[in-house]
Amino acid sequence: MKFKIVSLNNELKRKATHIFTILNMKESIHIQDVDFWLIDVETIDEKAIESYKNRQASVFLLFVVNDDEDIKVLLGNGFSNYVKLPFSDEELKSWYKFFIDSKKSEIININDNLILNIEKNILTFNKKTYILTKQEMALLKSLISGDFVSTKLLKLILNLNSETSVRTIINRIRKKVCTEIFIQKRNYGYKLNISSSKSEISISDSYVKELEEQNALIQKIVDCSSIFIVTFIHKQLFCINKSFRELLGKDILKDLWDEESGDFFKLINHSSKDKNKIKEDLFNIKSISNIEIFDSSLNDYKKYKVQTYFFEKIDKHLLVFTKL
């Protein structure tokens, strides 16, 4: 068993290391090898919290809290395992015993033909075995929850220098296994292609098919509309209809979809100099007159009125632009 302590408190680290050593645990050099994380809440920020959320599906997380505010932060983010300073030797040993008793399975069935062995760093597909590197295994473990994880967050979890490195690891795994193990969605990231069991399917196939046909028809109407329409899901750019794409031009569209620097609101000119204010007003369903958008065919800006529609249950904003 390997542990890692995340804290700036040297006394805390000394005490915990002493106890873990007594328990025959070894301190991990690489984060890919950690089984038991001890994390001081004072050392984590919002980004770190998100990364730990994606780690807890495959490793054990124990947080060290200093006061009631730290407890609120943990519970508010779905973490329930914590000890409060100063903790005793027996308290940490009890958590170790709990960790052993509740240790997650080392064998994970991703789907009927794909099996992941965490302990041996092995992926089996159709009874053929593929040996994974530590980075490849760490990436798969980060996606075990079945939820989409952004490349930005995967970069943080894997301690990589760039998002390109994340994609390199993903492509390396794809080449090893002759099946599509990942599902990718723009602005959401990646998730494992985990098949659902029959018991989990609660909606009939005919209903799903009808819903898909309905969505396809609506999308066709939106795409063919001469009105300029943009949709955002979770405030991330999701779709620009055909007429708007033609207005903007290919070069501008390419910049908009760039994962690191893409920003639709850079296209907009307004009397307000505050770009964030424009974005905030649009998402708060306020009509703003005298919006100007760059027209690539005219090499100039044109004025538009914007109407915003918000669908709360799916956190979707639909923006309709009409010429003034």
Protein backbone atom coordinates (compact mmCIF):
# COMPACT_ATOMS: atom_id res chain seq x y z
CA MET A 1 0.00 0.00 0.00
CA LYS A 2 1.29 3.44 -0.90
CA PHE A 3 0.31 6.78 0.60
CA LYS A 4 0.72 10.46 -0.19
CA ILE A 5 0.36 13.41 2.19
CA VAL A 6 -0.66 16.80 0.82
CA SER A 7 0.01 19.46 3.47
CA LEU A 8 2.22 22.41 4.31
CA ASN A 9 2.06 21.47 7.99
CA ASN A 10 5.37 19.73 8.74
CA GLU A 11 4.24 18.42 12.13
CA LEU A 12 1.16 16.85 10.55
CA LYS A 13 3.30 15.24 7.84
CA ARG A 14 5.84 13.91 10.35
CA LYS A 15 3.18 12.35 12.57
CA ALA A 16 1.16 10.80 9.72
CA THR A 17 4.30 9.42 8.01
CA HIS A 18 5.36 7.78 11.30
CA ILE A 19 1.95 6.08 11.67
CA PHE A 20 1.79 4.94 8.04
CA THR A 21 5.30 3.48 8.33
CA ILE A 22 4.22 1.46 11.39
CA LEU A 23 1.34 0.15 9.24
CA ASN A 24 3.88 -1.04 6.61
CA MET A 25 2.76 1.55 4.09
CA LYS A 26 5.23 3.25 1.76
CA GLU A 27 5.23 6.85 0.61
CA SER A 28 4.52 7.09 -3.10
CA ILE A 29 6.87 9.03 -5.35
CA HIS A 30 4.46 9.16 -8.28
CA ILE A 31 0.82 10.23 -7.88
CA GLN A 32 -0.17 7.43 -10.27
CA ASP A 33 0.76 4.86 -7.58
CA VAL A 34 -1.11 6.32 -4.60
CA ASP A 35 -3.65 4.11 -2.77
CA PHE A 36 -4.32 6.34 0.27
CA TRP A 37 -4.35 10.15 0.12
CA LEU A 38 -4.15 12.27 3.29
CA ILE A 39 -5.05 15.83 2.32
CA ASP A 40 -4.91 18.95 4.45
CA VAL A 41 -7.93 21.09 3.44
CA GLU A 42 -5.88 24.27 3.96
CA THR A 43 -3.67 23.32 1.00
CA ILE A 44 -6.39 22.79 -1.64
CA ASP A 45 -8.17 25.25 -3.91
CA GLU A 46 -11.19 24.93 -6.21
CA LYS A 47 -9.20 23.23 -8.99
CA ALA A 48 -7.69 20.71 -6.57
CA ILE A 49 -11.15 19.87 -5.18
CA GLU A 50 -12.33 19.02 -8.71
CA SER A 51 -9.32 16.77 -9.29
CA TYR A 52 -9.95 14.87 -6.04
CA LYS A 53 -13.58 14.31 -7.02
CA ASN A 54 -12.33 12.35 -10.02
CA ARG A 55 -9.77 10.43 -7.99
CA GLN A 56 -12.17 9.13 -5.34
CA ALA A 57 -13.68 6.56 -7.71
CA SER A 58 -10.47 4.51 -7.58
CA VAL A 59 -8.49 5.55 -4.46
CA PHE A 60 -9.14 6.34 -0.81
CA LEU A 61 -9.24 10.01 0.24
CA LEU A 62 -8.98 11.15 3.87
CA PHE A 63 -9.05 14.90 4.54
CA VAL A 64 -7.62 16.76 7.52
CA VAL A 65 -9.84 19.61 8.70
CA ASN A 66 -8.88 22.52 10.95
CA ASP A 67 -12.30 24.00 11.74
CA ASP A 68 -16.02 23.89 10.93
CA GLU A 69 -15.53 25.88 7.73
CA ASP A 70 -13.25 23.14 6.37
CA ILE A 71 -15.96 20.57 7.15
CA LYS A 72 -18.52 22.65 5.23
CA VAL A 73 -16.21 22.76 2.21
CA LEU A 74 -15.79 18.97 2.25
CA LEU A 75 -19.44 18.08 2.72
CA GLY A 76 -20.45 20.67 0.14
CA ASN A 77 -18.26 18.84 -2.38
CA GLY A 78 -19.38 15.32 -1.50
CA PHE A 79 -16.41 14.27 0.68
CA SER A 80 -17.32 12.59 3.96
CA ASN A 81 -14.02 11.09 5.18
CA TYR A 82 -12.09 13.44 7.47
CA VAL A 83 -10.17 13.78 10.73
CA LYS A 84 -9.86 16.96 12.75
CA LEU A 85 -6.57 18.36 14.04
CA PRO A 86 -5.08 17.32 16.35
CA PHE A 87 -5.82 13.66 15.56
CA SER A 88 -4.52 10.70 17.58
CA ASP A 89 -2.46 7.75 16.36
CA GLU A 90 -5.38 5.40 16.97
CA GLU A 91 -7.73 7.62 14.97
CA LEU A 92 -5.55 7.45 11.86
CA LYS A 93 -5.02 3.70 12.36
CA SER A 94 -8.81 3.26 12.50
CA TRP A 95 -9.19 5.07 9.19
CA TYR A 96 -6.53 2.78 7.71
CA LYS A 97 -8.50 -0.27 8.88
CA PHE A 98 -11.66 1.23 7.37
CA PHE A 99 -9.75 1.76 4.12
CA ILE A 100 -8.64 -1.91 4.04
CA ASP A 101 -12.17 -3.17 4.81
CA SER A 102 -13.76 -0.94 2.16
CA LYS A 103 -10.97 -1.23 -0.42
CA LYS A 104 -12.28 -0.83 -3.94
CA SER A 105 -12.12 -3.77 -6.32
CA GLU A 106 -8.92 -4.06 -8.34
CA ILE A 107 -10.90 -5.54 -11.26
CA ILE A 108 -13.24 -3.20 -13.13
CA ASN A 109 -15.52 -4.33 -15.95
CA ILE A 110 -15.74 -1.36 -18.29
CA ASN A 111 -18.07 -3.31 -20.57
CA ASP A 112 -18.75 -6.94 -21.51
CA ASN A 113 -15.44 -7.35 -23.36
CA LEU A 114 -13.20 -4.81 -21.64
CA ILE A 115 -11.69 -5.42 -18.18
CA LEU A 116 -9.29 -3.18 -16.26
CA ASN A 117 -6.94 -4.68 -13.64
CA ILE A 118 -5.71 -1.76 -11.51
CA GLU A 119 -3.28 -3.78 -9.41
CA LYS A 120 -1.45 -5.32 -12.38
CA ASN A 121 -1.75 -2.34 -14.78
CA ILE A 122 -3.45 -4.55 -17.35
CA LEU A 123 -6.32 -3.96 -19.76
CA THR A 124 -8.02 -7.03 -21.23
CA PHE A 125 -10.12 -6.86 -24.38
CA ASN A 126 -11.72 -10.00 -25.84
CA LYS A 127 -9.32 -12.08 -23.69
CA LYS A 128 -6.27 -10.33 -25.15
CA THR A 129 -4.06 -8.56 -22.58
CA TYR A 130 -2.48 -5.11 -22.95
CA ILE A 131 0.12 -3.81 -20.50
CA LEU A 132 -0.45 -0.16 -19.53
CA THR A 133 2.06 2.45 -18.43
CA LYS A 134 1.55 4.23 -15.11
CA GLN A 135 0.26 7.33 -16.91
CA GLU A 136 -2.17 5.31 -19.03
CA MET A 137 -3.51 3.54 -15.95
CA ALA A 138 -3.81 6.82 -14.03
CA LEU A 139 -5.83 8.33 -16.86
CA LEU A 140 -8.23 5.38 -16.98
CA LYS A 141 -8.64 5.49 -13.19
CA SER A 142 -9.55 9.18 -13.49
CA LEU A 143 -12.42 8.25 -15.81
CA ILE A 144 -13.78 5.26 -13.86
CA SER A 145 -16.74 7.27 -12.49
CA GLY A 146 -18.24 7.25 -16.00
CA ASP A 147 -18.63 11.05 -16.11
CA PHE A 148 -17.07 13.42 -18.63
CA VAL A 149 -13.76 14.91 -17.45
CA SER A 150 -12.25 17.90 -19.24
CA THR A 151 -8.73 17.74 -20.69
CA LYS A 152 -7.85 20.68 -18.44
CA LEU A 153 -8.82 18.68 -15.33
CA LEU A 154 -7.11 15.51 -16.58
CA LYS A 155 -3.94 17.55 -17.05
CA LEU A 156 -4.19 18.60 -13.38
CA ILE A 157 -4.97 15.10 -12.11
CA LEU A 158 -2.10 13.52 -14.04
CA ASN A 159 0.32 16.35 -13.25
CA LEU A 160 1.10 16.94 -16.94
CA ASN A 161 2.55 20.03 -18.60
CA SER A 162 -0.12 20.48 -21.26
CA GLU A 163 -3.54 19.30 -22.46
CA THR A 164 -1.81 18.00 -25.59
CA SER A 165 -0.03 15.45 -23.35
CA VAL A 166 -3.44 14.21 -22.17
CA ARG A 167 -4.57 13.64 -25.76
CA THR A 168 -1.27 11.88 -26.52
CA ILE A 169 -1.90 9.35 -23.72
CA ILE A 170 -5.49 8.82 -24.88
CA ASN A 171 -4.38 8.21 -28.46
CA ARG A 172 -1.71 5.80 -27.20
CA ILE A 173 -4.37 3.73 -25.42
CA ARG A 174 -6.61 3.81 -28.49
CA LYS A 175 -3.79 2.39 -30.60
CA LYS A 176 -3.18 -0.44 -28.13
CA VAL A 177 -6.82 -1.56 -28.04
CA CYS A 178 -8.79 -2.17 -31.23
CA THR A 179 -12.01 -0.69 -29.90
CA GLU A 180 -13.28 2.78 -29.00
CA ILE A 181 -12.71 2.86 -25.26
CA PHE A 182 -13.38 6.62 -24.94
CA ILE A 183 -16.30 8.92 -25.68
CA GLN A 184 -15.32 12.50 -26.46
CA LYS A 185 -17.61 15.53 -26.40
CA ARG A 186 -16.52 19.05 -27.24
CA ASN A 187 -16.38 21.35 -24.18
CA TYR A 188 -17.02 18.37 -21.87
CA GLY A 189 -13.90 16.27 -22.39
CA TYR A 190 -13.63 12.48 -22.24
CA LYS A 191 -15.33 9.60 -20.48
CA LEU A 192 -15.03 5.83 -20.63
CA ASN A 193 -17.37 4.01 -22.97
CA ILE A 194 -19.05 2.10 -20.14
CA SER A 195 -22.02 -0.02 -21.18
CA SER A 196 -25.12 0.10 -18.99
CA SER A 197 -26.65 -3.07 -17.63
CA LYS A 198 -30.16 -4.01 -18.73
CA SER A 199 -31.52 -3.22 -15.28
CA GLU A 200 -30.33 0.37 -15.60
CA ILE A 201 -32.27 0.99 -18.82
CA SER A 202 -35.55 2.55 -17.70
CA ILE A 203 -36.63 4.21 -20.95
CA SER A 204 -37.95 2.13 -23.84
CA ASP A 205 -35.97 1.97 -27.07
CA SER A 206 -38.91 3.33 -29.03
CA TYR A 207 -39.12 6.40 -26.78
CA VAL A 208 -35.40 7.07 -27.15
CA LYS A 209 -35.61 6.68 -30.93
CA GLU A 210 -38.55 9.08 -31.13
CA LEU A 211 -36.73 11.64 -28.97
CA GLU A 212 -33.62 11.39 -31.15
CA GLU A 213 -35.72 11.92 -34.30
CA GLN A 214 -37.39 14.94 -32.70
CA ASN A 215 -34.03 16.47 -31.70
CA ALA A 216 -32.65 15.86 -35.20
CA LEU A 217 -35.66 17.61 -36.74
CA ILE A 218 -35.34 20.61 -34.41
CA GLN A 219 -31.62 20.85 -35.13
CA LYS A 220 -32.34 20.76 -38.88
CA ILE A 221 -34.81 23.63 -38.54
CA VAL A 222 -32.36 25.64 -36.44
CA ASP A 223 -29.53 25.02 -38.89
CA CYS A 224 -31.58 26.10 -41.89
CA SER A 225 -32.98 29.21 -40.22
CA SER A 226 -31.81 32.56 -41.61
CA ILE A 227 -31.84 33.91 -38.04
CA PHE A 228 -28.50 33.62 -36.25
CA ILE A 229 -28.73 31.20 -33.33
CA VAL A 230 -26.13 30.16 -30.74
CA THR A 231 -26.60 27.66 -27.92
CA PHE A 232 -24.60 27.25 -24.70
CA ILE A 233 -24.79 24.29 -22.32
CA HIS A 234 -23.36 24.82 -18.84
CA LYS A 235 -22.33 28.24 -20.24
CA GLN A 236 -20.00 26.52 -22.71
CA LEU A 237 -20.39 27.15 -26.43
CA PHE A 238 -22.32 24.16 -27.82
CA CYS A 239 -23.71 24.96 -31.27
CA ILE A 240 -23.79 27.74 -33.90
CA ASN A 241 -26.42 27.34 -36.62
CA LYS A 242 -25.54 27.17 -40.30
CA SER A 243 -26.40 30.75 -41.32
CA PHE A 244 -24.36 32.16 -38.43
CA ARG A 245 -21.42 29.90 -39.29
CA GLU A 246 -21.50 31.18 -42.86
CA LEU A 247 -21.56 34.78 -41.63
CA LEU A 248 -18.57 34.30 -39.33
CA GLY A 249 -16.39 32.36 -41.74
CA LYS A 250 -14.18 29.30 -41.23
CA ASP A 251 -11.17 31.09 -39.72
CA ILE A 252 -13.21 32.76 -36.98
CA LEU A 253 -15.10 29.53 -36.25
CA LYS A 254 -11.82 27.67 -35.86
CA ASP A 255 -10.67 30.22 -33.26
CA LEU A 256 -13.99 29.96 -31.39
CA TRP A 257 -13.67 26.21 -30.89
CA ASP A 258 -10.09 26.39 -29.62
CA GLU A 259 -10.15 24.69 -26.19
CA GLU A 260 -7.76 27.10 -24.48
CA SER A 261 -8.38 30.51 -26.08
CA GLY A 262 -11.78 30.18 -27.78
CA ASP A 263 -14.27 32.80 -26.60
CA PHE A 264 -17.48 33.60 -28.49
CA PHE A 265 -17.87 36.91 -26.69
CA LYS A 266 -14.71 38.26 -28.29
CA LEU A 267 -16.83 38.68 -31.42
CA ILE A 268 -19.12 41.19 -29.74
CA ASN A 269 -18.66 44.94 -29.58
CA HIS A 270 -20.77 46.99 -27.20
CA SER A 271 -20.79 50.44 -25.65
CA SER A 272 -19.70 48.77 -22.42
CA LYS A 273 -15.95 48.12 -22.32
CA ASP A 274 -16.43 45.24 -19.87
CA LYS A 275 -16.60 41.98 -21.84
CA ASN A 276 -17.53 40.01 -18.71
CA LYS A 277 -20.49 42.34 -18.13
CA ILE A 278 -21.82 41.67 -21.63
CA LYS A 279 -21.53 37.91 -21.05
CA GLU A 280 -23.23 38.15 -17.66
CA ASP A 281 -26.13 40.19 -19.07
CA LEU A 282 -26.70 37.80 -21.95
CA PHE A 283 -26.81 34.76 -19.65
CA ASN A 284 -29.19 36.59 -17.29
CA ILE A 285 -31.79 36.80 -20.06
CA LYS A 286 -31.50 40.51 -20.76
CA SER A 287 -32.04 41.94 -24.22
CA ILE A 288 -29.13 44.17 -25.18
CA SER A 289 -29.50 46.53 -28.15
CA ASN A 290 -26.63 47.84 -30.24
CA ILE A 291 -24.60 44.63 -30.07
CA GLU A 292 -22.14 44.55 -32.94
CA ILE A 293 -20.78 41.38 -34.52
CA PHE A 294 -18.01 41.16 -37.08
CA ASP A 295 -19.22 40.24 -40.59
CA SER A 296 -16.35 38.51 -42.42
CA SER A 297 -17.96 39.02 -45.85
CA LEU A 298 -18.08 42.81 -45.36
CA ASN A 299 -14.98 43.06 -43.18
CA ASP A 300 -17.00 45.26 -40.86
CA TYR A 301 -19.26 45.17 -37.79
CA LYS A 302 -23.09 44.97 -37.99
CA LYS A 303 -25.66 45.79 -35.27
CA TYR A 304 -27.92 43.13 -33.77
CA LYS A 305 -30.53 42.68 -31.07
CA VAL A 306 -30.16 39.62 -28.84
CA GLN A 307 -32.89 37.60 -27.17
CA THR A 308 -31.89 34.93 -24.64
CA TYR A 309 -33.91 31.84 -23.69
CA PHE A 310 -32.90 29.73 -20.71
CA PHE A 311 -33.83 26.06 -20.09
CA GLU A 312 -33.06 25.53 -16.42
CA LYS A 313 -33.25 21.73 -16.14
CA ILE A 314 -30.54 21.19 -18.74
CA ASP A 315 -28.71 24.47 -17.99
CA LYS A 316 -29.02 25.53 -21.61
CA HIS A 317 -28.95 29.09 -22.98
CA LEU A 318 -30.24 29.81 -26.48
CA LEU A 319 -29.28 33.18 -27.96
CA VAL A 320 -31.11 34.54 -31.00
CA PHE A 321 -29.49 37.44 -32.91
CA THR A 322 -31.59 39.59 -35.27
CA LYS A 323 -30.33 42.47 -37.39
CA LEU A 324 -31.29 46.01 -36.37
